[in-house]
Protein backbone atom coordinates (compact mmCIF):
# COMPACT_ATOMS: atom_id res chain seq x y z
CA MET A 1 106.15 -13.92 22.12
CA VAL A 2 102.80 -12.16 22.35
CA LYS A 3 100.17 -12.54 19.65
CA LEU A 4 96.88 -10.78 19.06
CA ARG A 5 94.41 -13.55 18.39
CA LEU A 6 90.80 -14.66 18.70
CA LYS A 7 89.39 -16.30 21.82
CA ARG A 8 86.09 -18.11 21.33
CA CYS A 9 83.14 -17.17 23.54
CA GLY A 10 79.38 -17.53 23.25
CA ARG A 11 77.30 -20.64 23.06
CA LYS A 12 77.18 -23.55 20.64
CA GLN A 13 76.56 -22.51 17.02
CA ARG A 14 76.56 -18.81 18.09
CA ALA A 15 80.24 -18.03 18.43
CA ILE A 16 81.50 -14.60 19.44
CA TYR A 17 85.22 -13.97 19.54
CA ARG A 18 87.22 -11.74 21.83
CA ILE A 19 90.37 -10.25 20.38
CA VAL A 20 93.03 -10.72 23.04
CA ALA A 21 96.77 -10.46 23.55
CA MET A 22 98.05 -13.92 24.51
CA ASP A 23 101.29 -15.81 24.82
CA VAL A 24 101.92 -17.97 21.76
CA ARG A 25 102.14 -21.14 23.83
CA SER A 26 98.69 -20.85 25.45
CA ARG A 27 95.66 -22.61 24.09
CA ARG A 28 92.73 -20.82 22.41
CA GLU A 29 90.62 -20.53 25.56
CA GLY A 30 93.65 -20.01 27.81
CA ARG A 31 94.56 -17.04 29.95
CA ASP A 32 95.04 -13.74 28.15
CA PHE A 33 97.12 -10.68 29.01
CA ARG A 34 94.70 -8.06 27.71
CA LYS A 35 91.32 -7.93 26.03
CA VAL A 36 91.54 -5.52 23.12
CA GLY A 37 88.20 -5.98 21.37
CA PHE A 38 85.57 -8.39 20.12
CA TYR A 39 84.27 -9.72 16.82
CA ASP A 40 80.79 -11.10 16.13
CA PRO A 41 80.78 -12.87 12.75
CA ILE A 42 77.01 -13.46 12.81
CA LYS A 43 76.02 -9.80 13.20
CA ASN A 44 79.28 -8.68 11.54
CA GLN A 45 80.08 -6.32 14.42
CA THR A 46 83.55 -5.39 15.54
CA TYR A 47 84.83 -3.35 18.46
CA LEU A 48 88.54 -2.58 18.72
CA ASN A 49 90.43 -0.65 21.36
CA VAL A 50 92.66 1.00 18.75
CA PRO A 51 95.10 2.83 21.09
CA LEU A 52 95.80 -0.39 23.00
CA ILE A 53 96.25 -2.37 19.78
CA LEU A 54 98.68 0.23 18.45
CA TYR A 55 100.61 0.13 21.73
CA LEU A 56 100.88 -3.68 21.63
CA LEU A 57 101.95 -3.66 17.97
CA GLU A 58 104.66 -1.11 18.70
CA LYS A 59 105.92 -3.32 21.55
CA GLY A 60 106.27 -6.27 19.17
CA ALA A 61 102.99 -8.19 19.34
CA GLN A 62 102.14 -10.08 16.14
CA PRO A 63 98.53 -10.36 14.92
CA THR A 64 97.27 -13.68 13.56
CA GLY A 65 95.91 -13.76 10.02
CA THR A 66 92.27 -13.31 10.99
CA VAL A 67 92.99 -10.52 13.47
CA HIS A 68 95.17 -8.86 10.84
CA ASP A 69 92.26 -8.91 8.36
CA ILE A 70 89.81 -7.55 10.95
CA SER A 71 92.25 -4.77 11.89
CA LYS A 72 92.87 -3.98 8.25
CA LYS A 73 89.13 -3.48 7.65
CA ALA A 74 89.03 -1.14 10.64
CA GLU A 75 92.06 0.76 9.23
CA VAL A 76 94.18 0.25 12.34
CA PHE A 77 97.36 -0.08 10.29
CA LYS A 78 96.83 3.31 8.67
CA GLU A 79 96.86 4.85 12.14
CA LEU A 80 100.01 2.87 12.96
CA ARG A 81 101.79 4.37 9.95
CA ILE A 82 100.58 7.87 10.84
CA ASN A 83 101.94 7.48 14.39
CA GLN A 84 105.28 6.20 13.10
CA THR A 85 105.79 9.18 10.76
CA LYS A 86 105.28 11.70 13.55
């Protein structure tokens, strides 16, 4: 099963997270399938590749709780519903 989850990057006490598609069984810093964005909690910046996220969600990928909240703030799920009604 594929999950959209956070992968920690950056240095000590200055974490930056990549949002990646990974197998459920891999560890947090393990190998990812695709990089779909990043999240910087210190500067509160987010970049999401929305078309790729929508594609992965349609194929059955499950977001973790934190990635779900980040995507919800960026209104990714509204676009998912719009694409499904077409």
